[in-house]
C-alpha cells in the first residue's frame, strides 16, 4: 500500500510557475504508474500528466506543453512542473499511483490547492 502526500501548491500570478511534489510512503514505488489530476470547482477531475513505471517504454503523457512530469524513484517522489500558469489552471491537484490491470492498487493523495490569480 502507498500513502501519497502532495505539496507545493499555493497562490501564483498568471504567467508564473510552480512545482508540485508528491511523496510516497510504502514499498516498491518504482513499479507504480504515477499521475497528476486536477479538479476545478464544479468540474470533474481530469488527468493532466502521467508517467509510467520504470519498465515501460511510455515515458510520460502530458496534456499541455506548459507542464512537465518527472519522478525520482530513489526518493519516492513525483513532480509536476507547471509553467506559464493561467487562471484556468486553478484547481486542486491530486497525485495518483496505480498498477496497470490491477485496480486494487490505485491510490490518491489528499490534494493541494493551486490558485492562479493577480
Protein backbone atom coordinates (compact mmCIF):
# COMPACT_ATOMS: atom_id res chain seq x y z
CA UNK A 1 0.00 0.00 0.00
CA UNK A 2 1.14 3.54 -0.73
CA UNK A 3 0.34 6.77 1.05
CA UNK A 4 0.69 9.90 -1.06
CA UNK A 5 1.25 13.43 0.20
CA UNK A 6 1.20 16.40 -2.16
CA UNK A 7 2.92 19.70 -1.50
CA UNK A 8 3.95 22.86 -3.32
CA UNK A 9 0.59 24.39 -4.09
CA UNK A 10 -0.28 27.99 -3.43
CA UNK A 11 -1.17 31.32 -4.95
CA UNK A 12 0.70 32.38 -8.07
CA UNK A 13 0.24 35.19 -10.57
CA UNK A 14 -0.67 34.46 -14.18
CA UNK A 15 2.45 33.60 -16.13
CA UNK A 16 4.19 32.25 -13.05
CA UNK A 17 5.48 28.78 -12.27
CA UNK A 18 5.01 26.20 -9.56
CA UNK A 19 6.44 22.80 -8.84
CA UNK A 20 4.24 20.31 -7.09
CA UNK A 21 5.70 17.33 -5.27
CA UNK A 22 4.10 14.06 -4.34
CA UNK A 23 5.94 11.96 -1.79
CA UNK A 24 5.00 8.32 -1.45
CA UNK A 25 5.48 6.20 1.62
CA UNK A 26 5.45 2.49 1.12
CA UNK A 27 7.31 -0.11 -0.83
CA UNK A 28 8.02 -0.65 -4.49
CA UNK A 29 7.29 2.90 -5.60
CA UNK A 30 9.05 2.31 -8.92
CA UNK A 31 6.50 -0.25 -10.12
CA UNK A 32 3.64 2.26 -9.98
CA UNK A 33 2.48 4.41 -12.82
CA UNK A 34 2.19 7.91 -11.38
CA UNK A 35 -0.06 10.74 -12.38
CA UNK A 36 -1.39 14.15 -11.57
CA UNK A 37 -5.02 15.10 -11.91
CA UNK A 38 -6.85 18.28 -11.10
CA UNK A 39 -10.35 19.27 -10.17
CA UNK A 40 -11.66 22.78 -10.54
CA UNK A 41 -14.76 23.92 -8.63
CA UNK A 42 -17.89 22.45 -10.18
CA UNK A 43 -15.93 20.34 -12.66
CA UNK A 44 -14.85 16.74 -12.93
CA UNK A 45 -11.40 15.58 -12.02
CA UNK A 46 -9.19 15.28 -15.10
CA UNK A 47 -5.74 13.84 -15.69
CA UNK A 48 -3.09 16.43 -16.53
CA UNK A 49 0.07 14.32 -16.61
CA UNK A 50 1.18 10.72 -16.29
CA UNK A 51 4.49 8.99 -16.10
CA UNK A 52 4.84 5.26 -16.36
CA UNK A 53 6.84 2.88 -14.24
CA UNK A 54 10.45 2.07 -14.93
CA UNK A 55 9.64 -0.95 -17.02
CA UNK A 56 7.54 0.85 -19.60
CA UNK A 57 8.68 2.49 -22.80
CA UNK A 58 5.85 5.02 -22.47
CA UNK A 59 7.62 7.68 -20.53
CA UNK A 60 5.19 10.48 -19.97
CA UNK A 61 1.88 11.78 -21.17
CA UNK A 62 1.09 15.43 -20.60
CA UNK A 63 -1.98 17.38 -21.65
CA UNK A 64 -0.21 20.67 -22.16
CA UNK A 65 3.29 21.67 -23.14
CA UNK A 66 3.31 24.10 -20.23
CA UNK A 67 3.53 21.22 -17.75
CA UNK A 68 6.21 18.63 -17.17
CA UNK A 69 6.23 15.49 -15.06
CA UNK A 70 9.19 13.63 -13.64
CA UNK A 71 9.92 11.11 -10.93
CA UNK A 72 12.75 10.21 -8.61
CA UNK A 73 12.42 6.56 -7.68
CA UNK A 74 15.24 6.80 -5.16
CA UNK A 75 13.32 9.44 -3.21
CA UNK A 76 9.82 8.09 -3.90
CA UNK A 77 8.76 11.44 -5.34
CA UNK A 78 6.93 12.53 -8.46
CA UNK A 79 6.95 16.15 -9.57
CA UNK A 80 4.67 18.31 -11.65
CA UNK A 81 6.36 21.37 -13.08
CA UNK A 82 3.87 23.98 -14.19
CA UNK A 83 4.92 26.99 -16.25
CA UNK A 84 3.15 29.99 -17.78
CA UNK A 85 0.23 29.36 -15.48
CA UNK A 86 -3.20 30.64 -16.38
CA UNK A 87 -6.24 31.39 -14.21
CA UNK A 88 -7.93 28.35 -15.72
CA UNK A 89 -5.23 26.18 -14.16
CA UNK A 90 -6.74 26.98 -10.77
CA UNK A 91 -7.79 23.71 -9.16
CA UNK A 92 -6.99 21.17 -6.51
CA UNK A 93 -4.20 18.97 -7.82
CA UNK A 94 -4.13 15.32 -6.83
CA UNK A 95 -1.38 12.73 -7.06
CA UNK A 96 -2.29 9.21 -8.12
CA UNK A 97 -0.44 5.91 -8.08
CA UNK A 98 -1.67 2.80 -9.83
CA UNK A 99 -0.57 -0.50 -11.28
CA UNK A 100 -1.96 -1.24 -14.70
CA UNK A 101 -4.57 -4.01 -14.88
CA UNK A 102 -4.60 -4.28 -11.09
CA UNK A 103 -7.36 -1.92 -9.97
CA UNK A 104 -6.89 -2.84 -6.34
CA UNK A 105 -3.64 -0.88 -6.48
CA UNK A 106 -4.99 2.64 -7.03
CA UNK A 107 -4.09 5.33 -4.52
CA UNK A 108 -4.76 9.07 -4.24
CA UNK A 109 -3.33 11.87 -2.18
CA UNK A 110 -5.38 14.47 -0.35
CA UNK A 111 -4.72 17.18 -2.92
CA UNK A 112 -3.03 20.56 -2.94
CA UNK A 113 -4.69 23.82 -3.96
CA UNK A 114 -3.25 25.84 -6.82
CA UNK A 115 -4.70 29.29 -7.38
CA UNK A 116 -3.63 31.41 -10.32
CA UNK A 117 -4.74 34.98 -9.83
CA UNK A 118 -3.43 38.50 -9.93
